[in-house]
C-alpha cells in the first residue's frame, strides 16, 4: 500500500467500459445529492417526528449502507456484480417512485431506510467493476471522486428547485437518474459481466474470513474511518462554530464556502493527480494531512483575523480532501484479488462510520474552543501509518506456501 510513486496516467484517458462506469457514477451522484440533503427538511415537513428521530432516520440510511456493505460485497462476489447492481438500482428506482406517493410516516421512513439497503449493492458493485476495468494505477477512482464533486454541485441545485415545486417532481428526478444508471448497466451487462469472467480461479464462496485477516484491508478501512472522521466536520461542526462567531451571517458565509469547496475539489484533481505521479505516496499523504491540519488552524484564526482566513482554510481543506479521500479506494483496488473485490470494497464501506463518530466527538469538543481544533488537526494524521501499512494478505500467504512447496 505504501508503494513508491503512483505513476498516474492522464485522468481523461479512459476506455469504453471505464467511461460507462464513470457515467454511471455521475448519474448516481446527481441522484443522491438531488434528494438526500433535503431528506431532513422533508421529514420535518411531512411527518410528526422529533428532531432526534429525524436525525436517527437520516443517520440510519448511512449506517445500514456502511455495515450492510459487508453483506452486499459478499453477495456480489457470490452471485455476480451485474445482477446485484441491477437489483440495487431497481430498488432505488422503486423506492423513489414510492416516495412520490407515500403519505404516512411509517411508509416514508421505511422507504428512506430502504435507500441504505439498495446502496449496499450499488456502491461495492460499482467500485468492483471500476477496479476490474481500471488500469493498474487506479486513476479511475480519482475520476470517480471528480464526478462525485460534480454531482454535489448539480444535484442540490436541482433538488433545491424541485423541492419547492412538488413532492412528485422532487422524488421523480432521482428515480429518473437511477433509471438511466440501471439502463447503462443492463444494456452493457455482457461486457461488464465479462470483466468478472476473466478471473482464472475462484476463491472461497464466502471469503469474509480471509478478508478480515488481511491486515492491509483492515488498515485501508481504518484509514478511511480516520479521514471521514475529520472530513465530516465540514458539514457538522464547522457551521456551528461559524454560527457562534458570525450569527445569522454564518449561513451565507458557509454557503459560499461549501460551493467553493465543491468547485475546487473538482478542479484540483488534475493537478493533484499530476503531483501524485511525481512524488512518493508517503509524501503525498503527509501533504494531504498537513493541508487538513492547517485548515483547522485557519478556521480557528478566522474569528480574529477575518473572513480571508476562512477562504484560505477552505482552500487548504480542499487540498487535503482531494489528496486523501480517493486513497482508501485506490488502496483496496491495489490489494484485492479479482474474485474478492466485492467483499473487499464491501468491508471498506465500514469507513462511513467516521461520519457518525466525527460529529458526535466534534459536538463534545466544540464547546472547549481551541481543544476541538487541535484534536481534529491531529486526528487526520492517524491515517498515515494505516495507508502505509505493509503485509501479506491471506491470498498472498497461500501463494507463497504453494511456491515453497513446489520449490521443495
Protein backbone atom coordinates (compact mmCIF):
# COMPACT_ATOMS: atom_id res chain seq x y z
CA UNK A 1 0.00 0.00 0.00
CA UNK A 2 2.81 2.37 0.56
CA UNK A 3 4.20 1.93 -2.87
CA UNK A 4 6.64 4.30 -4.42
CA UNK A 5 5.35 6.70 -7.00
CA UNK A 6 1.89 6.19 -8.34
CA UNK A 7 2.76 6.89 -11.95
CA UNK A 8 -0.75 8.06 -12.75
CA UNK A 9 -1.68 8.47 -16.39
CA UNK A 10 -3.84 11.34 -17.66
CA UNK A 11 -7.23 11.34 -15.96
CA UNK A 12 -9.13 11.86 -19.20
CA UNK A 13 -7.73 8.75 -20.96
CA UNK A 14 -10.45 6.17 -20.25
CA UNK A 15 -11.65 3.30 -22.42
CA UNK A 16 -15.25 2.47 -23.26
CA UNK A 17 -16.18 0.49 -20.15
CA UNK A 18 -14.34 2.92 -17.90
CA UNK A 19 -16.32 5.79 -19.41
CA UNK A 20 -19.57 3.85 -18.98
CA UNK A 21 -18.87 3.19 -15.30
CA UNK A 22 -17.85 6.81 -14.79
CA UNK A 23 -21.12 7.94 -16.40
CA UNK A 24 -22.99 5.61 -14.06
CA UNK A 25 -21.15 7.07 -11.06
CA UNK A 26 -22.14 10.56 -12.25
CA UNK A 27 -25.83 9.61 -12.51
CA UNK A 28 -25.60 8.01 -9.07
CA UNK A 29 -24.03 11.14 -7.58
CA UNK A 30 -26.55 13.56 -9.08
CA UNK A 31 -29.46 11.38 -7.93
CA UNK A 32 -28.04 11.10 -4.42
CA UNK A 33 -27.37 14.81 -3.93
CA UNK A 34 -30.66 15.85 -5.53
CA UNK A 35 -32.66 14.24 -2.71
CA UNK A 36 -30.75 13.13 0.39
CA UNK A 37 -29.52 16.60 1.51
CA UNK A 38 -33.19 17.63 1.76
CA UNK A 39 -34.41 14.48 3.49
CA UNK A 40 -34.35 16.03 6.97
CA UNK A 41 -36.41 19.01 5.78
CA UNK A 42 -38.86 16.65 4.09
CA UNK A 43 -39.31 14.54 7.23
CA UNK A 44 -39.79 17.64 9.33
CA UNK A 45 -42.47 18.99 6.99
CA UNK A 46 -44.32 15.73 6.25
CA UNK A 47 -44.12 13.77 9.49
CA UNK A 48 -44.55 14.39 13.19
CA UNK A 49 -41.11 13.06 14.08
CA UNK A 50 -38.97 14.90 16.58
CA UNK A 51 -35.59 16.35 15.60
CA UNK A 52 -33.84 13.46 17.34
CA UNK A 53 -35.94 10.90 15.50
CA UNK A 54 -35.31 12.64 12.18
CA UNK A 55 -31.58 12.57 12.85
CA UNK A 56 -31.80 8.88 13.69
CA UNK A 57 -33.59 8.12 10.41
CA UNK A 58 -31.11 10.07 8.29
CA UNK A 59 -28.15 8.57 10.12
CA UNK A 60 -29.57 5.06 9.81
CA UNK A 61 -29.55 5.29 6.00
CA UNK A 62 -25.77 5.63 6.01
CA UNK A 63 -25.38 3.16 8.87
CA UNK A 64 -27.32 0.44 7.02
CA UNK A 65 -25.22 1.00 3.91
CA UNK A 66 -21.99 1.08 5.90
CA UNK A 67 -22.44 -2.05 8.00
CA UNK A 68 -24.56 -3.82 5.38
CA UNK A 69 -21.90 -3.20 2.75
CA UNK A 70 -20.05 -6.25 4.10
CA UNK A 71 -23.01 -8.48 3.27
CA UNK A 72 -23.54 -6.71 -0.03
CA UNK A 73 -19.93 -7.26 -1.05
CA UNK A 74 -20.09 -10.97 -0.21
CA UNK A 75 -23.29 -11.42 -2.23
CA UNK A 76 -21.75 -9.53 -5.13
CA UNK A 77 -18.78 -11.90 -5.23
CA UNK A 78 -21.07 -14.92 -4.82
CA UNK A 79 -23.84 -14.14 -7.32
CA UNK A 80 -22.17 -11.70 -9.70
CA UNK A 81 -21.74 -7.96 -9.70
CA UNK A 82 -24.05 -7.10 -12.58
CA UNK A 83 -27.13 -8.98 -11.24
CA UNK A 84 -26.67 -7.49 -7.77
CA UNK A 85 -26.23 -3.99 -9.16
CA UNK A 86 -29.36 -4.36 -11.29
CA UNK A 87 -31.19 -5.44 -8.12
CA UNK A 88 -29.88 -2.47 -6.13
CA UNK A 89 -30.60 0.08 -8.87
CA UNK A 90 -34.09 -1.34 -9.39
CA UNK A 91 -34.70 -0.90 -5.66
CA UNK A 92 -33.53 2.71 -5.88
CA UNK A 93 -35.98 3.44 -8.70
CA UNK A 94 -38.86 1.68 -6.92
CA UNK A 95 -38.15 3.45 -3.61
CA UNK A 96 -38.07 6.94 -5.11
CA UNK A 97 -41.22 6.26 -7.12
CA UNK A 98 -42.80 5.04 -3.89
CA UNK A 99 -41.82 8.26 -2.14
CA UNK A 100 -43.69 10.30 -4.75
CA UNK A 101 -46.93 8.77 -3.42
CA UNK A 102 -46.15 7.91 0.24
CA UNK A 103 -48.08 9.92 2.83
CA UNK A 104 -47.89 8.02 6.12
CA UNK A 105 -44.89 8.41 8.43
CA UNK A 106 -44.35 4.65 8.55
CA UNK A 107 -44.21 4.34 4.77
CA UNK A 108 -41.92 7.34 4.35
CA UNK A 109 -39.45 6.13 7.00
CA UNK A 110 -39.47 2.57 5.64
CA UNK A 111 -38.78 3.77 2.12
CA UNK A 112 -35.97 6.08 3.21
CA UNK A 113 -34.32 3.27 5.18
CA UNK A 114 -34.63 1.13 2.06
CA UNK A 115 -32.21 3.52 0.36
CA UNK A 116 -29.49 2.22 2.68
CA UNK A 117 -30.29 -1.36 1.69
CA UNK A 118 -30.14 -0.51 -2.03
CA UNK A 119 -26.82 1.26 -1.55
CA UNK A 120 -25.14 -1.83 -0.09
CA UNK A 121 -25.33 -3.47 -3.54
CA UNK A 122 -24.69 -0.45 -5.75
CA UNK A 123 -21.64 1.07 -4.05
CA UNK A 124 -19.42 -2.04 -3.64
CA UNK A 125 -20.63 -3.31 -7.02
CA UNK A 126 -19.78 -0.12 -8.86
CA UNK A 127 -16.36 0.06 -7.22
CA UNK A 128 -15.64 -3.59 -8.01
CA UNK A 129 -16.45 -3.08 -11.71
CA UNK A 130 -14.32 0.07 -11.77
CA UNK A 131 -11.44 -1.82 -10.17
CA UNK A 132 -11.73 -4.67 -12.68
CA UNK A 133 -11.85 -2.22 -15.59
CA UNK A 134 -9.17 0.09 -14.17
CA UNK A 135 -5.59 0.49 -15.24
CA UNK A 136 -3.00 -0.58 -12.71
CA UNK A 137 -2.57 2.98 -11.39
CA UNK A 138 -6.18 3.15 -10.20
CA UNK A 139 -6.65 6.68 -11.53
CA UNK A 140 -10.29 5.87 -12.32
CA UNK A 141 -11.00 6.31 -8.60
CA UNK A 142 -9.77 9.90 -8.80
CA UNK A 143 -12.07 10.38 -11.78
CA UNK A 144 -14.87 8.87 -9.71
CA UNK A 145 -14.15 11.39 -6.97
CA UNK A 146 -14.35 14.19 -9.55
CA UNK A 147 -17.79 13.13 -10.76
CA UNK A 148 -18.95 12.88 -7.14
CA UNK A 149 -17.89 16.51 -6.69
CA UNK A 150 -19.76 17.47 -9.87
CA UNK A 151 -22.85 15.70 -8.58
CA UNK A 152 -22.51 17.58 -5.29
CA UNK A 153 -22.74 20.83 -7.28
CA UNK A 154 -25.51 19.92 -9.72
CA UNK A 155 -27.65 17.63 -7.53
CA UNK A 156 -28.52 20.11 -4.76
CA UNK A 157 -29.26 22.79 -7.34
CA UNK A 158 -31.81 20.50 -8.99
CA UNK A 159 -33.25 19.27 -5.71
CA UNK A 160 -33.47 22.76 -4.25
CA UNK A 161 -35.59 23.98 -7.15
CA UNK A 162 -37.86 20.94 -7.32
CA UNK A 163 -38.38 20.68 -3.56
CA UNK A 164 -40.43 23.87 -3.69
CA UNK A 165 -42.35 22.73 -6.79
CA UNK A 166 -43.85 19.39 -5.78
CA UNK A 167 -43.03 16.18 -3.95
CA UNK A 168 -43.72 14.19 -7.09
CA UNK A 169 -41.20 16.13 -9.16
CA UNK A 170 -38.68 16.16 -6.30
CA UNK A 171 -38.55 12.37 -5.96
CA UNK A 172 -39.15 11.62 -9.65
CA UNK A 173 -35.82 13.19 -10.59
CA UNK A 174 -33.57 10.75 -8.65
CA UNK A 175 -35.79 7.93 -9.93
CA UNK A 176 -35.06 9.18 -13.46
CA UNK A 177 -31.29 9.33 -12.92
CA UNK A 178 -31.17 5.90 -11.30
CA UNK A 179 -33.22 4.56 -14.21
CA UNK A 180 -30.50 5.91 -16.51
CA UNK A 181 -27.80 4.17 -14.46
CA UNK A 182 -29.84 0.95 -14.49
CA UNK A 183 -30.21 1.18 -18.26
CA UNK A 184 -26.46 1.60 -18.75
CA UNK A 185 -25.70 -1.49 -16.67
CA UNK A 186 -28.48 -3.58 -18.25
CA UNK A 187 -27.61 -2.69 -21.85
CA UNK A 188 -23.90 -3.36 -21.33
CA UNK A 189 -24.32 -6.27 -18.93
CA UNK A 190 -22.45 -8.78 -21.11
CA UNK A 191 -19.14 -6.88 -21.43
CA UNK A 192 -19.40 -5.84 -17.78
CA UNK A 193 -20.01 -9.44 -16.69
CA UNK A 194 -17.06 -10.48 -18.85
CA UNK A 195 -14.79 -8.44 -16.56
CA UNK A 196 -15.50 -10.96 -13.80
CA UNK A 197 -15.22 -13.95 -16.12
CA UNK A 198 -11.54 -13.20 -16.66
CA UNK A 199 -10.81 -14.50 -13.16
CA UNK A 200 -8.94 -17.78 -13.65
CA UNK A 201 -9.56 -19.33 -10.26
CA UNK A 202 -12.34 -18.61 -7.83
CA UNK A 203 -11.65 -18.24 -4.15
CA UNK A 204 -13.96 -19.45 -1.39
CA UNK A 205 -17.69 -18.91 -1.84
CA UNK A 206 -17.82 -16.58 1.15
CA UNK A 207 -14.30 -15.13 1.58
CA UNK A 208 -15.13 -12.95 4.58
CA UNK A 209 -12.83 -14.81 6.96
CA UNK A 210 -9.80 -14.41 4.74
CA UNK A 211 -10.66 -10.78 4.05
CA UNK A 212 -10.86 -9.97 7.75
CA UNK A 213 -7.38 -11.49 8.18
CA UNK A 214 -5.93 -9.18 5.53
CA UNK A 215 -4.02 -6.57 7.53
CA UNK A 216 -3.77 -4.25 4.54
CA UNK A 217 -7.54 -4.23 4.01
CA UNK A 218 -8.20 -3.51 7.68
CA UNK A 219 -5.60 -0.74 7.58
CA UNK A 220 -7.15 0.83 4.47
CA UNK A 221 -10.59 0.68 6.10
CA UNK A 222 -9.24 2.21 9.33
CA UNK A 223 -7.60 4.97 7.31
CA UNK A 224 -10.96 5.68 5.71
CA UNK A 225 -12.59 5.94 9.14
CA UNK A 226 -9.94 8.45 10.27
CA UNK A 227 -10.29 10.54 7.10
CA UNK A 228 -14.10 10.60 7.23
CA UNK A 229 -13.99 11.35 10.97
CA UNK A 230 -12.24 14.61 10.12
CA UNK A 231 -13.96 15.25 6.80
CA UNK A 232 -17.39 15.08 8.47
CA UNK A 233 -16.61 18.24 10.42
CA UNK A 234 -17.20 20.49 7.41
CA UNK A 235 -20.93 19.74 7.27
CA UNK A 236 -21.49 19.33 11.00
CA UNK A 237 -19.32 21.27 13.45
CA UNK A 238 -17.76 23.97 11.26
CA UNK A 239 -21.19 25.55 10.53
CA UNK A 240 -21.97 25.54 14.26
CA UNK A 241 -18.62 27.19 15.01
CA UNK A 242 -19.29 29.81 12.34
CA UNK A 243 -22.75 30.44 13.77
CA UNK A 244 -21.28 31.13 17.20
CA UNK A 245 -18.89 33.68 15.69
CA UNK A 246 -20.92 35.37 12.95
CA UNK A 247 -24.53 34.76 13.95
CA UNK A 248 -27.09 34.95 11.14
CA UNK A 249 -24.41 35.86 8.60
CA UNK A 250 -22.87 32.40 9.09
CA UNK A 251 -25.45 30.79 6.79
CA UNK A 252 -24.40 32.97 3.87
CA UNK A 253 -20.71 32.59 4.59
CA UNK A 254 -20.97 28.82 4.87
CA UNK A 255 -22.96 28.53 1.63
CA UNK A 256 -20.12 30.29 -0.19
CA UNK A 257 -17.53 28.07 1.48
CA UNK A 258 -19.46 24.90 0.64
CA UNK A 259 -19.81 25.83 -3.04
CA UNK A 260 -16.16 26.86 -3.21
CA UNK A 261 -15.16 23.52 -1.69
CA UNK A 262 -17.16 21.54 -4.27
CA UNK A 263 -15.82 23.54 -7.23
CA UNK A 264 -12.21 23.49 -6.00
CA UNK A 265 -12.40 19.75 -5.25
CA UNK A 266 -13.43 19.13 -8.85
CA UNK A 267 -10.83 21.41 -10.43
CA UNK A 268 -7.90 20.39 -8.25
CA UNK A 269 -7.97 16.68 -9.04
CA UNK A 270 -5.98 17.21 -12.23
CA UNK A 271 -3.01 18.92 -10.54
CA UNK A 272 -3.26 16.52 -7.58
CA UNK A 273 -3.19 13.54 -9.96
CA UNK A 274 -0.17 15.04 -11.73
CA UNK A 275 1.58 15.62 -8.40
CA UNK A 276 0.83 12.09 -7.22
CA UNK A 277 2.71 10.76 -10.22
CA UNK A 278 5.76 12.84 -9.38
CA UNK A 279 6.26 12.22 -5.67
CA UNK A 280 6.26 9.18 -3.40
CA UNK A 281 2.95 8.23 -1.85
CA UNK A 282 4.10 8.79 1.78
CA UNK A 283 4.96 12.38 0.86
CA UNK A 284 1.60 12.82 -0.86
CA UNK A 285 -0.25 11.52 2.21
CA UNK A 286 1.66 13.89 4.51
CA UNK A 287 0.80 16.80 2.22
CA UNK A 288 -2.90 15.91 2.46
CA UNK A 289 -2.82 15.56 6.24
CA UNK A 290 -0.87 18.77 6.69
CA UNK A 291 -3.33 20.67 4.50
CA UNK A 292 -6.24 19.43 6.63
CA UNK A 293 -4.41 20.37 9.84
CA UNK A 294 -3.57 23.87 8.58
CA UNK A 295 -7.17 24.39 7.50
CA UNK A 296 -8.32 23.90 11.10
CA UNK A 297 -5.75 26.48 12.19
CA UNK A 298 -7.17 28.92 9.63
CA UNK A 299 -10.75 28.30 10.77
CA UNK A 300 -9.73 28.92 14.37
CA UNK A 301 -7.90 32.16 13.50
CA UNK A 302 -10.76 33.42 11.32
CA UNK A 303 -12.68 34.65 14.36
CA UNK A 304 -9.94 37.25 14.98
CA UNK A 305 -8.31 37.62 11.57
CA UNK A 306 -11.44 37.86 9.42
CA UNK A 307 -13.11 36.06 6.53
CA UNK A 308 -9.91 35.82 4.49
CA UNK A 309 -8.75 33.09 6.86
CA UNK A 310 -11.98 31.16 6.21
CA UNK A 311 -11.33 31.16 2.49
CA UNK A 312 -7.69 30.20 2.94
CA UNK A 313 -8.90 27.44 5.24
CA UNK A 314 -11.36 26.04 2.69
CA UNK A 315 -8.61 26.07 0.04
CA UNK A 316 -6.30 24.05 2.28
CA UNK A 317 -9.21 21.81 3.29
CA UNK A 318 -9.90 21.04 -0.37
CA UNK A 319 -6.24 20.15 -0.96
CA UNK A 320 -6.39 17.68 1.92
CA UNK A 321 -9.74 16.32 0.76
CA UNK A 322 -8.61 15.94 -2.85
CA UNK A 323 -5.44 14.10 -1.86
CA UNK A 324 -6.80 11.81 0.84
CA UNK A 325 -10.40 10.89 0.05
CA UNK A 326 -9.68 8.71 -3.02
CA UNK A 327 -6.75 6.89 -1.38
CA UNK A 328 -8.65 4.24 0.62
CA UNK A 329 -10.46 3.09 -2.55
CA UNK A 330 -7.20 3.12 -4.50
CA UNK A 331 -5.60 1.05 -1.73
CA UNK A 332 -8.41 -1.54 -1.84
CA UNK A 333 -8.12 -1.65 -5.64
CA UNK A 334 -4.43 -2.44 -5.33
CA UNK A 335 -4.66 -5.19 -2.72
CA UNK A 336 -7.86 -7.08 -3.62
CA UNK A 337 -7.67 -10.06 -5.93
CA UNK A 338 -10.34 -10.01 -8.63
CA UNK A 339 -12.69 -12.64 -7.24
CA UNK A 340 -12.79 -10.90 -3.84
CA UNK A 341 -13.11 -7.26 -4.86
CA UNK A 342 -16.80 -7.12 -3.95
CA UNK A 343 -16.10 -8.40 -0.43
CA UNK A 344 -13.12 -6.09 -0.02
CA UNK A 345 -14.95 -2.98 -1.19
CA UNK A 346 -17.94 -4.02 0.92
CA UNK A 347 -15.82 -4.23 4.05
CA UNK A 348 -14.22 -0.90 3.18
CA UNK A 349 -17.69 0.72 3.31
CA UNK A 350 -17.41 0.45 7.10
CA UNK A 351 -15.31 3.61 6.95
CA UNK A 352 -18.54 5.62 6.71
CA UNK A 353 -18.85 5.07 10.45
CA UNK A 354 -16.50 8.04 10.58
CA UNK A 355 -19.46 10.19 9.57
CA UNK A 356 -21.16 9.15 12.83
CA UNK A 357 -18.17 9.32 15.15
CA UNK A 358 -16.94 12.63 13.73
CA UNK A 359 -19.99 14.81 14.51
CA UNK A 360 -20.51 13.06 17.87
CA UNK A 361 -16.97 13.65 19.12
CA UNK A 362 -16.84 17.07 17.48
CA UNK A 363 -20.02 18.09 19.28
CA UNK A 364 -18.47 17.15 22.62
CA UNK A 365 -15.27 19.07 21.91
CA UNK A 366 -16.57 22.19 20.17
CA UNK A 367 -17.56 23.85 23.43
CA UNK A 368 -13.90 23.67 24.53
CA UNK A 369 -12.73 26.06 21.83
CA UNK A 370 -9.11 25.52 20.81
CA UNK A 371 -9.15 21.92 22.08
CA UNK A 372 -11.55 20.99 19.28
CA UNK A 373 -9.30 22.42 16.57
CA UNK A 374 -6.14 20.82 17.97
CA UNK A 375 -7.75 17.38 18.26
CA UNK A 376 -9.17 17.49 14.73
CA UNK A 377 -5.93 18.81 13.25
CA UNK A 378 -4.02 15.92 14.79
CA UNK A 379 -6.66 13.22 14.25
CA UNK A 380 -6.24 13.15 10.48
CA UNK A 381 -2.60 12.02 10.87
CA UNK A 382 -3.92 8.69 12.20
CA UNK A 383 -4.43 7.67 8.57
CA UNK A 384 -0.71 7.96 7.73
CA UNK A 385 0.58 4.68 9.22
CA UNK A 386 -2.61 2.91 8.11
CA UNK A 387 -2.28 3.97 4.46
CA UNK A 388 1.38 2.92 4.54
CA UNK A 389 0.79 -0.48 6.15
CA UNK A 390 2.68 -3.33 4.57
CA UNK A 391 1.95 -7.02 4.94
CA UNK A 392 0.78 -10.10 3.13
CA UNK A 393 -2.84 -10.94 2.58
CA UNK A 394 -4.12 -14.47 3.21
CA UNK A 395 -4.16 -14.98 -0.55
CA UNK A 396 -0.52 -13.90 -0.79
CA UNK A 397 0.46 -16.25 2.03
CA UNK A 398 -1.30 -19.18 0.37
CA UNK A 399 0.51 -18.39 -2.87
CA UNK A 400 3.81 -18.30 -1.05
CA UNK A 401 3.03 -21.69 0.54
CA UNK A 402 2.29 -23.20 -2.89
CA UNK A 403 5.52 -21.75 -4.31
CA UNK A 404 7.54 -23.03 -1.36
CA UNK A 405 6.03 -26.48 -1.77
CA UNK A 406 6.87 -26.54 -5.45
CA UNK A 407 10.44 -25.43 -4.80
CA UNK A 408 10.97 -28.14 -2.20
